[in-house]
Amino acid sequence: MEACGFGPDHVHLFVSGCRKYSVPFMTQMFKGASSRKIRSELQGHIKDKRREDSF
């Protein structure tokens, strides 16, 4: 990872040098991992932010 930046409700990741995986695939992996972590650790805080089973 080259750099990362944080906003109040989002994160920017700048990744380079990874030719093995496509950008959409890496995005899917980052989003999936962060979603699982948020759901497992902050379940009570995100209840009102979710629509059915998604954020």
PDB file of N, CA and C in Angstrom:
ATOM      1  N   MET A   1       0.854  -1.165   0.000  1.00  0.00           N
ATOM      2  CA  MET A   1       0.000   0.000   0.000  1.00  0.00           C
ATOM      3  C   MET A   1       0.898   1.224   0.000  1.00  0.00           C
ATOM      4  N   GLU A   2       0.596   2.142  -0.892  1.00  0.00           N
ATOM      5  CA  GLU A   2       1.369   3.375  -1.010  1.00  0.00           C
ATOM      6  C   GLU A   2       0.974   4.382   0.060  1.00  0.00           C
ATOM      7  N   ALA A   3      -0.326   4.584   0.219  1.00  0.00           N
ATOM      8  CA  ALA A   3      -0.805   5.593   1.163  1.00  0.00           C
ATOM      9  C   ALA A   3      -2.260   5.301   1.494  1.00  0.00           C
ATOM     10  N   CYS A   4      -2.738   5.933   2.549  1.00  0.00           N
ATOM     11  CA  CYS A   4      -4.152   5.854   2.880  1.00  0.00           C
ATOM     12  C   CYS A   4      -4.587   7.183   3.482  1.00  0.00           C
ATOM     13  N   GLY A   5      -5.835   7.520   3.292  1.00  0.00           N
ATOM     14  CA  GLY A   5      -6.405   8.738   3.841  1.00  0.00           C
ATOM     15  C   GLY A   5      -7.763   8.420   4.423  1.00  0.00           C
ATOM     16  N   PHE A   6      -8.148   9.178   5.427  1.00  0.00           N
ATOM     17  CA  PHE A   6      -9.396   8.908   6.130  1.00  0.00           C
ATOM     18  C   PHE A   6     -10.299  10.123   6.119  1.00  0.00           C
ATOM     19  N   GLY A   7     -11.569   9.900   5.882  1.00  0.00           N
ATOM     20  CA  GLY A   7     -12.598  10.916   6.014  1.00  0.00           C
ATOM     21  C   GLY A   7     -13.498  10.524   7.171  1.00  0.00           C
ATOM     22  N   PRO A   8     -14.523  11.310   7.450  1.00  0.00           N
ATOM     23  CA  PRO A   8     -15.395  10.978   8.584  1.00  0.00           C
ATOM     24  C   PRO A   8     -16.157   9.666   8.390  1.00  0.00           C
ATOM     25  N   ASP A   9     -16.389   9.283   7.142  1.00  0.00           N
ATOM     26  CA  ASP A   9     -17.151   8.064   6.914  1.00  0.00           C
ATOM     27  C   ASP A   9     -16.604   7.223   5.752  1.00  0.00           C
ATOM     28  N   HIS A  10     -15.331   7.424   5.416  1.00  0.00           N
ATOM     29  CA  HIS A  10     -14.751   6.652   4.321  1.00  0.00           C
ATOM     30  C   HIS A  10     -13.225   6.601   4.430  1.00  0.00           C
ATOM     31  N   VAL A  11     -12.643   5.731   3.629  1.00  0.00           N
ATOM     32  CA  VAL A  11     -11.190   5.549   3.607  1.00  0.00           C
ATOM     33  C   VAL A  11     -10.733   5.510   2.152  1.00  0.00           C
ATOM     34  N   HIS A  12      -9.606   6.129   1.874  1.00  0.00           N
ATOM     35  CA  HIS A  12      -8.984   6.045   0.555  1.00  0.00           C
ATOM     36  C   HIS A  12      -7.714   5.218   0.685  1.00  0.00           C
ATOM     37  N   LEU A  13      -7.565   4.207  -0.150  1.00  0.00           N
ATOM     38  CA  LEU A  13      -6.352   3.392  -0.183  1.00  0.00           C
ATOM     39  C   LEU A  13      -5.700   3.551  -1.541  1.00  0.00           C
ATOM     40  N   PHE A  14      -4.400   3.790  -1.556  1.00  0.00           N
ATOM     41  CA  PHE A  14      -3.643   3.890  -2.795  1.00  0.00           C
ATOM     42  C   PHE A  14      -2.672   2.726  -2.834  1.00  0.00           C
ATOM     43  N   VAL A  15      -2.942   1.808  -3.752  1.00  0.00           N
ATOM     44  CA  VAL A  15      -2.173   0.572  -3.848  1.00  0.00           C
ATOM     45  C   VAL A  15      -1.463   0.557  -5.192  1.00  0.00           C
ATOM     46  N   SER A  16      -0.199   0.122  -5.193  1.00  0.00           N
ATOM     47  CA  SER A  16       0.524   0.008  -6.462  1.00  0.00           C
ATOM     48  C   SER A  16       1.374  -1.253  -6.437  1.00  0.00           C
ATOM     49  N   GLY A  17       1.822  -1.636  -7.607  1.00  0.00           N
ATOM     50  CA  GLY A  17       2.731  -2.771  -7.711  1.00  0.00           C
ATOM     51  C   GLY A  17       2.094  -4.127  -7.547  1.00  0.00           C
ATOM     52  N   CYS A  18       0.788  -4.207  -7.657  1.00  0.00           N
ATOM     53  CA  CYS A  18       0.117  -5.495  -7.525  1.00  0.00           C
ATOM     54  C   CYS A  18      -0.462  -5.889  -8.877  1.00  0.00           C
ATOM     55  N   ARG A  19       0.266  -6.656  -9.618  1.00  0.00           N
ATOM     56  CA  ARG A  19      -0.186  -7.063 -10.949  1.00  0.00           C
ATOM     57  C   ARG A  19      -0.919  -8.389 -10.938  1.00  0.00           C
ATOM     58  N   LYS A  20      -0.901  -9.049  -9.807  1.00  0.00           N
ATOM     59  CA  LYS A  20      -1.532 -10.363  -9.722  1.00  0.00           C
ATOM     60  C   LYS A  20      -3.061 -10.259  -9.691  1.00  0.00           C
ATOM     61  N   TYR A  21      -3.591  -9.186  -9.108  1.00  0.00           N
ATOM     62  CA  TYR A  21      -5.032  -9.026  -8.955  1.00  0.00           C
ATOM     63  C   TYR A  21      -5.509  -7.749  -9.635  1.00  0.00           C
ATOM     64  N   SER A  22      -6.739  -7.766 -10.130  1.00  0.00           N
ATOM     65  CA  SER A  22      -7.315  -6.580 -10.763  1.00  0.00           C
ATOM     66  C   SER A  22      -7.801  -5.595  -9.699  1.00  0.00           C
ATOM     67  N   VAL A  23      -7.984  -4.355 -10.120  1.00  0.00           N
ATOM     68  CA  VAL A  23      -8.481  -3.321  -9.200  1.00  0.00           C
ATOM     69  C   VAL A  23      -9.870  -3.688  -8.666  1.00  0.00           C
ATOM     70  N   PRO A  24     -10.817  -4.097  -9.502  1.00  0.00           N
ATOM     71  CA  PRO A  24     -12.135  -4.479  -8.956  1.00  0.00           C
ATOM     72  C   PRO A  24     -12.054  -5.630  -7.957  1.00  0.00           C
ATOM     73  N   PHE A  25     -11.196  -6.610  -8.216  1.00  0.00           N
ATOM     74  CA  PHE A  25     -11.061  -7.737  -7.288  1.00  0.00           C
ATOM     75  C   PHE A  25     -10.495  -7.260  -5.952  1.00  0.00           C
ATOM     76  N   MET A  26      -9.467  -6.432  -5.983  1.00  0.00           N
ATOM     77  CA  MET A  26      -8.878  -5.925  -4.735  1.00  0.00           C
ATOM     78  C   MET A  26      -9.881  -5.069  -3.964  1.00  0.00           C
ATOM     79  N   THR A  27     -10.662  -4.271  -4.688  1.00  0.00           N
ATOM     80  CA  THR A  27     -11.701  -3.459  -4.038  1.00  0.00           C
ATOM     81  C   THR A  27     -12.711  -4.353  -3.334  1.00  0.00           C
ATOM     82  N   GLN A  28     -13.136  -5.402  -4.009  1.00  0.00           N
ATOM     83  CA  GLN A  28     -14.079  -6.354  -3.420  1.00  0.00           C
ATOM     84  C   GLN A  28     -13.495  -6.994  -2.167  1.00  0.00           C
ATOM     85  N   MET A  29     -12.229  -7.363  -2.189  1.00  0.00           N
ATOM     86  CA  MET A  29     -11.583  -7.985  -1.028  1.00  0.00           C
ATOM     87  C   MET A  29     -11.493  -7.016   0.150  1.00  0.00           C
ATOM     88  N   PHE A  30     -11.075  -5.771  -0.107  1.00  0.00           N
ATOM     89  CA  PHE A  30     -10.985  -4.771   0.967  1.00  0.00           C
ATOM     90  C   PHE A  30     -12.356  -4.483   1.568  1.00  0.00           C
ATOM     91  N   LYS A  31     -13.363  -4.307   0.712  1.00  0.00           N
ATOM     92  CA  LYS A  31     -14.707  -4.015   1.204  1.00  0.00           C
ATOM     93  C   LYS A  31     -15.281  -5.177   1.998  1.00  0.00           C
ATOM     94  N   GLY A  32     -15.063  -6.394   1.517  1.00  0.00           N
ATOM     95  CA  GLY A  32     -15.569  -7.565   2.233  1.00  0.00           C
ATOM     96  C   GLY A  32     -14.925  -7.732   3.592  1.00  0.00           C
ATOM     97  N   ALA A  33     -13.605  -7.572   3.636  1.00  0.00           N
ATOM     98  CA  ALA A  33     -12.891  -7.722   4.911  1.00  0.00           C
ATOM     99  C   ALA A  33     -13.311  -6.648   5.908  1.00  0.00           C
ATOM    100  N   SER A  34     -13.419  -5.398   5.438  1.00  0.00           N
ATOM    101  CA  SER A  34     -13.803  -4.328   6.361  1.00  0.00           C
ATOM    102  C   SER A  34     -15.251  -4.507   6.828  1.00  0.00           C
ATOM    103  N   SER A  35     -16.132  -4.971   5.951  1.00  0.00           N
ATOM    104  CA  SER A  35     -17.519  -5.205   6.334  1.00  0.00           C
ATOM    105  C   SER A  35     -17.627  -6.284   7.404  1.00  0.00           C
ATOM    106  N   ARG A  36     -16.896  -7.381   7.222  1.00  0.00           N
ATOM    107  CA  ARG A  36     -16.929  -8.459   8.228  1.00  0.00           C
ATOM    108  C   ARG A  36     -16.416  -7.967   9.575  1.00  0.00           C
ATOM    109  N   LYS A  37     -15.354  -7.185   9.573  1.00  0.00           N
ATOM    110  CA  LYS A  37     -14.787  -6.683  10.824  1.00  0.00           C
ATOM    111  C   LYS A  37     -15.768  -5.731  11.520  1.00  0.00           C
ATOM    112  N   ILE A  38     -16.347  -4.822  10.753  1.00  0.00           N
ATOM    113  CA  ILE A  38     -17.316  -3.873  11.326  1.00  0.00           C
ATOM    114  C   ILE A  38     -18.520  -4.614  11.895  1.00  0.00           C
ATOM    115  N   ARG A  39     -19.055  -5.564  11.147  1.00  0.00           N
ATOM    116  CA  ARG A  39     -20.225  -6.317  11.615  1.00  0.00           C
ATOM    117  C   ARG A  39     -19.932  -7.109  12.877  1.00  0.00           C
ATOM    118  N   SER A  40     -18.735  -7.674  12.983  1.00  0.00           N
ATOM    119  CA  SER A  40     -18.430  -8.497  14.158  1.00  0.00           C
ATOM    120  C   SER A  40     -18.109  -7.658  15.390  1.00  0.00           C
ATOM    121  N   GLU A  41     -17.500  -6.506  15.209  1.00  0.00           N
ATOM    122  CA  GLU A  41     -17.063  -5.716  16.359  1.00  0.00           C
ATOM    123  C   GLU A  41     -18.004  -4.581  16.738  1.00  0.00           C
ATOM    124  N   LEU A  42     -18.814  -4.097  15.809  1.00  0.00           N
ATOM    125  CA  LEU A  42     -19.633  -2.913  16.076  1.00  0.00           C
ATOM    126  C   LEU A  42     -21.116  -3.139  15.786  1.00  0.00           C
ATOM    127  N   GLN A  43     -21.577  -4.348  15.962  1.00  0.00           N
ATOM    128  CA  GLN A  43     -22.955  -4.714  15.613  1.00  0.00           C
ATOM    129  C   GLN A  43     -23.983  -3.759  16.209  1.00  0.00           C
ATOM    130  N   GLY A  44     -23.865  -3.421  17.467  1.00  0.00           N
ATOM    131  CA  GLY A  44     -24.844  -2.553  18.122  1.00  0.00           C
ATOM    132  C   GLY A  44     -24.848  -1.132  17.595  1.00  0.00           C
ATOM    133  N   HIS A  45     -23.723  -0.667  17.096  1.00  0.00           N
ATOM    134  CA  HIS A  45     -23.605   0.708  16.612  1.00  0.00           C
ATOM    135  C   HIS A  45     -24.072   0.888  15.170  1.00  0.00           C
ATOM    136  N   ILE A  46     -24.180  -0.181  14.414  1.00  0.00           N
ATOM    137  CA  ILE A  46     -24.524  -0.053  13.003  1.00  0.00           C
ATOM    138  C   ILE A  46     -25.941  -0.504  12.678  1.00  0.00           C
ATOM    139  N   LYS A  47     -26.686  -0.910  13.673  1.00  0.00           N
ATOM    140  CA  LYS A  47     -28.024  -1.450  13.438  1.00  0.00           C
ATOM    141  C   LYS A  47     -28.900  -0.493  12.629  1.00  0.00           C
ATOM    142  N   ASP A  48     -28.888   0.796  12.965  1.00  0.00           N
ATOM    143  CA  ASP A  48     -29.740   1.768  12.269  1.00  0.00           C
ATOM    144  C   ASP A  48     -29.152   2.230  10.935  1.00  0.00           C
ATOM    145  N   LYS A  49     -27.931   1.856  10.636  1.00  0.00           N
ATOM    146  CA  LYS A  49     -27.286   2.243   9.375  1.00  0.00           C
ATOM    147  C   LYS A  49     -27.487   1.204   8.278  1.00  0.00           C
ATOM    148  N   ARG A  50     -28.049   0.064   8.640  1.00  0.00           N
ATOM    149  CA  ARG A  50     -28.176  -1.044   7.690  1.00  0.00           C
ATOM    150  C   ARG A  50     -29.544  -1.105   7.062  1.00  0.00           C
ATOM    151  N   ARG A  51     -29.591  -1.586   5.838  1.00  0.00           N
ATOM    152  CA  ARG A  51     -30.842  -1.846   5.136  1.00  0.00           C
ATOM    153  C   ARG A  51     -30.862  -3.339   4.878  1.00  0.00           C
ATOM    154  N   GLU A  52     -31.683  -4.070   5.569  1.00  0.00           N
ATOM    155  CA  GLU A  52     -31.711  -5.535   5.562  1.00  0.00           C
ATOM    156  C   GLU A  52     -30.349  -6.070   5.975  1.00  0.00           C
ATOM    157  N   ASP A  53     -29.628  -6.724   5.053  1.00  0.00           N
ATOM    158  CA  ASP A  53     -28.337  -7.306   5.422  1.00  0.00           C
ATOM    159  C   ASP A  53     -27.140  -6.518   4.883  1.00  0.00           C
ATOM    160  N   SER A  54     -27.368  -5.329   4.357  1.00  0.00           N
ATOM    161  CA  SER A  54     -26.271  -4.530   3.816  1.00  0.00           C
ATOM    162  C   SER A  54     -26.259  -3.160   4.463  1.00  0.00           C
ATOM    163  N   PHE A  55     -25.145  -2.473   4.329  1.00  0.00           N
ATOM    164  CA  PHE A  55     -25.043  -1.113   4.891  1.00  0.00           C
ATOM    165  C   PHE A  55     -25.800  -0.141   4.022  1.00  0.00           C
TER     166      PHE A  55
END
